[in-house]
Amino acid sequence: MSGESAEESATEGVVRGPGDRDAEAVARFVERFASEMTEAGMQRMASRVFAALLADDDASMTSAELALALQISPAAVSGAINYLTQVSMVGREREPGSRRDRYRLHNEIWYTTFASRDQVLTRWERTLKEGARTLGEHTPAGARIAETAAFFEFLQSELEGLMGRWQEHRKTLDLPSGSPGSGA
């Protein structure tokens, strides 16, 4: 993995530079977190690629670096990257003076990911309200769909407040500002 900051090993309590990391422990973390995301519904290869980028100090790797780190084919990397760019979790940028693409986590990845869900919730809510009217809000199916629309409307209003509170809370944390792919 790349980068320049030191990190403290949770298992050993020692300060390690990025070059001193236990590569096997990093690989285990990547696979474990990828497994958690897969269990939550994300595609398996996309989960692995995302976790590898998350664990990289620069939050940026080429297709060849990802294939090597994860022991997967370039085609598997390509499919995962296509999915991750489609859901706005990863960006593609060209290396200066090269034909190679680098894949990078967006800054404030979790904030951006959840904030973009706001647009999805708005579309779902609108479609569900229309569906409830079409089916009749007092029919069993219409009532179920109306309740689902109300849930998404509630979720959307709560998410907006939650995101604002996160921004305020983040200011109180001792985190590096503007780090690539940071958690906020």
C-alpha atoms as a PDB file:
ATOM      1  CA  MET A   1       0.000   0.000   0.000  1.00  0.00           C
ATOM      2  CA  SER A   2       1.219   3.557  -0.608  1.00  0.00           C
ATOM      3  CA  GLY A   3       1.344   6.798   1.401  1.00  0.00           C
ATOM      4  CA  GLU A   4       3.507   8.533   3.934  1.00  0.00           C
ATOM      5  CA  SER A   5       1.808   8.712   7.312  1.00  0.00           C
ATOM      6  CA  ALA A   6       2.591   6.343  10.158  1.00  0.00           C
ATOM      7  CA  GLU A   7      -0.135   4.274  11.738  1.00  0.00           C
ATOM      8  CA  GLU A   8      -0.410   2.442  15.011  1.00  0.00           C
ATOM      9  CA  SER A   9      -0.971  -1.277  14.783  1.00  0.00           C
ATOM     10  CA  ALA A  10      -4.051  -2.199  16.802  1.00  0.00           C
ATOM     11  CA  THR A  11      -2.729  -5.672  17.429  1.00  0.00           C
ATOM     12  CA  GLU A  12       0.807  -4.788  18.465  1.00  0.00           C
ATOM     13  CA  GLY A  13       0.526  -1.200  19.739  1.00  0.00           C
ATOM     14  CA  VAL A  14       3.597  -0.105  17.785  1.00  0.00           C
ATOM     15  CA  VAL A  15       3.932   2.762  15.344  1.00  0.00           C
ATOM     16  CA  ARG A  16       4.497   1.497  11.817  1.00  0.00           C
ATOM     17  CA  GLY A  17       5.242   3.337   8.626  1.00  0.00           C
ATOM     18  CA  PRO A  18       3.209   2.338   5.550  1.00  0.00           C
ATOM     19  CA  GLY A  19       6.122   0.276   4.197  1.00  0.00           C
ATOM     20  CA  ASP A  20       6.309  -1.648   7.485  1.00  0.00           C
ATOM     21  CA  ARG A  21       2.738  -2.896   7.400  1.00  0.00           C
ATOM     22  CA  ASP A  22       2.057  -6.583   7.670  1.00  0.00           C
ATOM     23  CA  ALA A  23       0.881  -7.283   4.107  1.00  0.00           C
ATOM     24  CA  GLU A  24      -0.970 -10.427   5.175  1.00  0.00           C
ATOM     25  CA  ALA A  25      -2.841  -8.556   7.912  1.00  0.00           C
ATOM     26  CA  VAL A  26      -3.802  -5.836   5.428  1.00  0.00           C
ATOM     27  CA  ALA A  27      -5.020  -8.481   2.968  1.00  0.00           C
ATOM     28  CA  ARG A  28      -7.074 -10.122   5.742  1.00  0.00           C
ATOM     29  CA  PHE A  29      -8.647  -6.753   6.607  1.00  0.00           C
ATOM     30  CA  VAL A  30      -9.479  -6.102   2.936  1.00  0.00           C
ATOM     31  CA  GLU A  31     -11.110  -9.510   2.583  1.00  0.00           C
ATOM     32  CA  ARG A  32     -12.983  -9.218   5.875  1.00  0.00           C
ATOM     33  CA  PHE A  33     -14.396  -5.778   5.104  1.00  0.00           C
ATOM     34  CA  ALA A  34     -15.221  -6.875   1.551  1.00  0.00           C
ATOM     35  CA  SER A  35     -17.072  -9.852   2.999  1.00  0.00           C
ATOM     36  CA  GLU A  36     -19.085  -7.547   5.271  1.00  0.00           C
ATOM     37  CA  MET A  37     -20.049  -5.359   2.303  1.00  0.00           C
ATOM     38  CA  THR A  38     -20.941  -8.420   0.218  1.00  0.00           C
ATOM     39  CA  GLU A  39     -23.197  -9.693   3.008  1.00  0.00           C
ATOM     40  CA  ALA A  40     -24.875  -6.273   2.969  1.00  0.00           C
ATOM     41  CA  GLY A  41     -25.653  -6.672  -0.733  1.00  0.00           C
ATOM     42  CA  MET A  42     -22.730  -5.236  -2.693  1.00  0.00           C
ATOM     43  CA  GLN A  43     -21.227  -7.284  -5.524  1.00  0.00           C
ATOM     44  CA  ARG A  44     -18.312  -9.427  -4.331  1.00  0.00           C
ATOM     45  CA  MET A  45     -15.594  -8.112  -6.667  1.00  0.00           C
ATOM     46  CA  ALA A  46     -16.760  -4.527  -6.232  1.00  0.00           C
ATOM     47  CA  SER A  47     -16.524  -5.019  -2.471  1.00  0.00           C
ATOM     48  CA  ARG A  48     -12.988  -6.324  -2.727  1.00  0.00           C
ATOM     49  CA  VAL A  49     -11.830  -3.508  -5.026  1.00  0.00           C
ATOM     50  CA  PHE A  50     -13.486  -0.883  -2.817  1.00  0.00           C
ATOM     51  CA  ALA A  51     -11.896  -2.330   0.333  1.00  0.00           C
ATOM     52  CA  ALA A  52      -8.466  -2.409  -1.338  1.00  0.00           C
ATOM     53  CA  LEU A  53      -8.787   1.257  -2.308  1.00  0.00           C
ATOM     54  CA  LEU A  54      -9.999   2.112   1.179  1.00  0.00           C
ATOM     55  CA  ALA A  55      -6.942   0.430   2.700  1.00  0.00           C
ATOM     56  CA  ASP A  56      -4.531   2.231   0.367  1.00  0.00           C
ATOM     57  CA  ASP A  57      -3.029   5.409   1.871  1.00  0.00           C
ATOM     58  CA  ASP A  58      -3.559   7.326  -1.362  1.00  0.00           C
ATOM     59  CA  ALA A  59      -6.990   5.729  -1.895  1.00  0.00           C
ATOM     60  CA  SER A  60      -5.834   5.308  -5.482  1.00  0.00           C
ATOM     61  CA  MET A  61      -4.614   2.333  -7.525  1.00  0.00           C
ATOM     62  CA  THR A  62      -4.272   1.286 -11.155  1.00  0.00           C
ATOM     63  CA  SER A  63      -6.028  -1.722 -12.609  1.00  0.00           C
ATOM     64  CA  ALA A  64      -2.744  -3.644 -12.562  1.00  0.00           C
ATOM     65  CA  GLU A  65      -2.136  -2.760  -8.905  1.00  0.00           C
ATOM     66  CA  LEU A  66      -5.648  -3.859  -7.954  1.00  0.00           C
ATOM     67  CA  ALA A  67      -5.321  -7.119  -9.910  1.00  0.00           C
ATOM     68  CA  LEU A  68      -2.002  -7.879  -8.219  1.00  0.00           C
ATOM     69  CA  ALA A  69      -3.155  -6.913  -4.719  1.00  0.00           C
ATOM     70  CA  LEU A  70      -6.365  -8.929  -4.950  1.00  0.00           C
ATOM     71  CA  GLN A  71      -5.050 -11.748  -7.177  1.00  0.00           C
ATOM     72  CA  ILE A  72      -7.870 -11.223  -9.677  1.00  0.00           C
ATOM     73  CA  SER A  73      -8.023 -10.801 -13.437  1.00  0.00           C
ATOM     74  CA  PRO A  74      -8.027  -7.415 -15.180  1.00  0.00           C
ATOM     75  CA  ALA A  75     -11.540  -8.262 -16.412  1.00  0.00           C
ATOM     76  CA  ALA A  76     -12.709  -8.697 -12.806  1.00  0.00           C
ATOM     77  CA  VAL A  77     -11.166  -5.334 -11.907  1.00  0.00           C
ATOM     78  CA  SER A  78     -12.880  -3.726 -14.897  1.00  0.00           C
ATOM     79  CA  GLY A  79     -16.300  -5.094 -13.947  1.00  0.00           C
ATOM     80  CA  ALA A  80     -15.886  -4.003 -10.330  1.00  0.00           C
ATOM     81  CA  ILE A  81     -14.718  -0.520 -11.337  1.00  0.00           C
ATOM     82  CA  ASN A  82     -17.648  -0.130 -13.733  1.00  0.00           C
ATOM     83  CA  TYR A  83     -20.048  -0.910 -10.894  1.00  0.00           C
ATOM     84  CA  LEU A  84     -18.261   1.345  -8.381  1.00  0.00           C
ATOM     85  CA  THR A  85     -18.152   4.293 -10.795  1.00  0.00           C
ATOM     86  CA  GLN A  86     -21.823   3.774 -11.656  1.00  0.00           C
ATOM     87  CA  VAL A  87     -22.776   4.089  -7.981  1.00  0.00           C
ATOM     88  CA  SER A  88     -20.387   7.063  -7.528  1.00  0.00           C
ATOM     89  CA  MET A  89     -18.110   5.343  -5.021  1.00  0.00           C
ATOM     90  CA  VAL A  90     -14.964   5.502  -7.173  1.00  0.00           C
ATOM     91  CA  GLY A  91     -13.661   7.972  -9.716  1.00  0.00           C
ATOM     92  CA  ARG A  92     -11.421   7.371 -12.693  1.00  0.00           C
ATOM     93  CA  GLU A  93      -8.528   9.686 -13.486  1.00  0.00           C
ATOM     94  CA  ARG A  94      -5.687   9.577 -15.979  1.00  0.00           C
ATOM     95  CA  GLU A  95      -2.098   9.398 -14.734  1.00  0.00           C
ATOM     96  CA  PRO A  96      -0.224  12.449 -16.083  1.00  0.00           C
ATOM     97  CA  GLY A  97       1.844  11.491 -19.128  1.00  0.00           C
ATOM     98  CA  SER A  98       0.382   7.995 -19.224  1.00  0.00           C
ATOM     99  CA  ARG A  99      -2.438   6.099 -20.835  1.00  0.00           C
ATOM    100  CA  ARG A 100      -3.135   4.368 -17.506  1.00  0.00           C
ATOM    101  CA  ASP A 101      -6.213   5.107 -15.493  1.00  0.00           C
ATOM    102  CA  ARG A 102      -6.047   5.394 -11.724  1.00  0.00           C
ATOM    103  CA  TYR A 103      -9.102   4.560  -9.700  1.00  0.00           C
ATOM    104  CA  ARG A 104      -9.627   6.750  -6.667  1.00  0.00           C
ATOM    105  CA  LEU A 105     -12.087   6.879  -3.822  1.00  0.00           C
ATOM    106  CA  HIS A 106     -13.923  10.158  -3.773  1.00  0.00           C
ATOM    107  CA  ASN A 107     -13.094  12.542  -0.944  1.00  0.00           C
ATOM    108  CA  GLU A 108     -15.694  12.252   1.789  1.00  0.00           C
ATOM    109  CA  ILE A 109     -16.745   8.902   0.309  1.00  0.00           C
ATOM    110  CA  TRP A 110     -19.330   7.942   2.913  1.00  0.00           C
ATOM    111  CA  TYR A 111     -20.905  11.392   3.046  1.00  0.00           C
ATOM    112  CA  THR A 112     -21.057  11.562  -0.750  1.00  0.00           C
ATOM    113  CA  THR A 113     -22.445   8.046  -1.045  1.00  0.00           C
ATOM    114  CA  PHE A 114     -25.228   8.632   1.452  1.00  0.00           C
ATOM    115  CA  ALA A 115     -25.978  12.135   0.172  1.00  0.00           C
ATOM    116  CA  SER A 116     -26.423  10.791  -3.364  1.00  0.00           C
ATOM    117  CA  ARG A 117     -28.995   8.365  -2.005  1.00  0.00           C
ATOM    118  CA  ASP A 118     -31.180  11.402  -1.402  1.00  0.00           C
ATOM    119  CA  GLN A 119     -31.853  11.614  -5.152  1.00  0.00           C
ATOM    120  CA  VAL A 120     -32.683   7.919  -5.299  1.00  0.00           C
ATOM    121  CA  LEU A 121     -35.057   8.205  -2.335  1.00  0.00           C
ATOM    122  CA  THR A 122     -36.814  11.156  -3.975  1.00  0.00           C
ATOM    123  CA  ARG A 123     -37.406   9.167  -7.177  1.00  0.00           C
ATOM    124  CA  TRP A 124     -38.570   6.101  -5.266  1.00  0.00           C
ATOM    125  CA  GLU A 125     -40.893   8.166  -3.101  1.00  0.00           C
ATOM    126  CA  ARG A 126     -42.452   9.859  -6.148  1.00  0.00           C
ATOM    127  CA  THR A 127     -42.930   6.533  -7.955  1.00  0.00           C
ATOM    128  CA  LEU A 128     -44.347   4.832  -4.865  1.00  0.00           C
ATOM    129  CA  LYS A 129     -46.853   7.648  -4.248  1.00  0.00           C
ATOM    130  CA  GLU A 130     -47.996   7.350  -7.845  1.00  0.00           C
ATOM    131  CA  GLY A 131     -48.265   3.569  -7.424  1.00  0.00           C
ATOM    132  CA  ALA A 132     -50.362   3.951  -4.263  1.00  0.00           C
ATOM    133  CA  ARG A 133     -52.749   6.285  -6.100  1.00  0.00           C
ATOM    134  CA  THR A 134     -52.912   3.878  -9.054  1.00  0.00           C
ATOM    135  CA  LEU A 135     -53.694   0.874  -6.854  1.00  0.00           C
ATOM    136  CA  GLY A 136     -55.964   2.813  -4.525  1.00  0.00           C
ATOM    137  CA  GLU A 137     -54.533   3.901  -1.173  1.00  0.00           C
ATOM    138  CA  HIS A 138     -57.240   1.999   0.720  1.00  0.00           C
ATOM    139  CA  THR A 139     -56.545  -1.347  -0.919  1.00  0.00           C
ATOM    140  CA  PRO A 140     -54.103  -3.692   0.834  1.00  0.00           C
ATOM    141  CA  ALA A 141     -51.446  -3.261  -1.905  1.00  0.00           C
ATOM    142  CA  GLY A 142     -52.020   0.497  -2.163  1.00  0.00           C
ATOM    143  CA  ALA A 143     -51.769   0.931   1.618  1.00  0.00           C
ATOM    144  CA  ARG A 144     -48.536  -1.094   1.702  1.00  0.00           C
ATOM    145  CA  ILE A 145     -47.044   1.021  -1.081  1.00  0.00           C
ATOM    146  CA  ALA A 146     -48.252   4.265   0.561  1.00  0.00           C
ATOM    147  CA  GLU A 147     -46.574   3.189   3.816  1.00  0.00           C
ATOM    148  CA  THR A 148     -43.357   2.452   1.921  1.00  0.00           C
ATOM    149  CA  ALA A 149     -43.485   5.919   0.323  1.00  0.00           C
ATOM    150  CA  ALA A 150     -44.042   7.476   3.763  1.00  0.00           C
ATOM    151  CA  PHE A 151     -41.057   5.527   5.104  1.00  0.00           C
ATOM    152  CA  PHE A 152     -38.782   6.853   2.342  1.00  0.00           C
ATOM    153  CA  GLU A 153     -40.084  10.387   2.876  1.00  0.00           C
ATOM    154  CA  PHE A 154     -39.293  10.081   6.602  1.00  0.00           C
ATOM    155  CA  LEU A 155     -35.894   8.515   5.905  1.00  0.00           C
ATOM    156  CA  GLN A 156     -35.010  11.304   3.502  1.00  0.00           C
ATOM    157  CA  SER A 157     -35.877  14.046   5.999  1.00  0.00           C
ATOM    158  CA  GLU A 158     -33.918  12.289   8.755  1.00  0.00           C
ATOM    159  CA  LEU A 159     -30.948  11.665   6.475  1.00  0.00           C
ATOM    160  CA  GLU A 160     -30.667  15.375   5.682  1.00  0.00           C
ATOM    161  CA  GLY A 161     -30.471  16.245   9.392  1.00  0.00           C
ATOM    162  CA  LEU A 162     -28.109  13.369  10.082  1.00  0.00           C
ATOM    163  CA  MET A 163     -25.705  14.483   7.356  1.00  0.00           C
ATOM    164  CA  GLY A 164     -25.634  18.003   8.791  1.00  0.00           C
ATOM    165  CA  ARG A 165     -24.951  16.656  12.263  1.00  0.00           C
ATOM    166  CA  TRP A 166     -22.145  14.499  10.884  1.00  0.00           C
ATOM    167  CA  GLN A 167     -20.484  17.554   9.287  1.00  0.00           C
ATOM    168  CA  GLU A 168     -20.589  19.339  12.640  1.00  0.00           C
ATOM    169  CA  HIS A 169     -19.333  16.280  14.531  1.00  0.00           C
ATOM    170  CA  ARG A 170     -16.499  15.745  12.044  1.00  0.00           C
ATOM    171  CA  LYS A 171     -15.157  19.198  12.869  1.00  0.00           C
ATOM    172  CA  THR A 172     -14.599  18.004  16.458  1.00  0.00           C
ATOM    173  CA  LEU A 173     -12.538  14.968  15.416  1.00  0.00           C
ATOM    174  CA  ASP A 174      -8.775  14.936  15.118  1.00  0.00           C
ATOM    175  CA  LEU A 175      -8.726  13.761  11.489  1.00  0.00           C
ATOM    176  CA  PRO A 176      -6.428  14.781   8.663  1.00  0.00           C
ATOM    177  CA  SER A 177      -8.289  17.283   6.514  1.00  0.00           C
ATOM    178  CA  GLY A 178      -8.780  16.595   2.867  1.00  0.00           C
ATOM    179  CA  SER A 179      -7.178  13.156   2.936  1.00  0.00           C
ATOM    180  CA  PRO A 180      -8.007  11.088  -0.154  1.00  0.00           C
ATOM    181  CA  GLY A 181     -11.052   8.911   0.379  1.00  0.00           C
ATOM    182  CA  SER A 182     -11.501  10.137   3.936  1.00  0.00           C
ATOM    183  CA  GLY A 183     -14.524   8.909   5.819  1.00  0.00           C
ATOM    184  CA  ALA A 184     -16.419  12.160   5.657  1.00  0.00           C
END
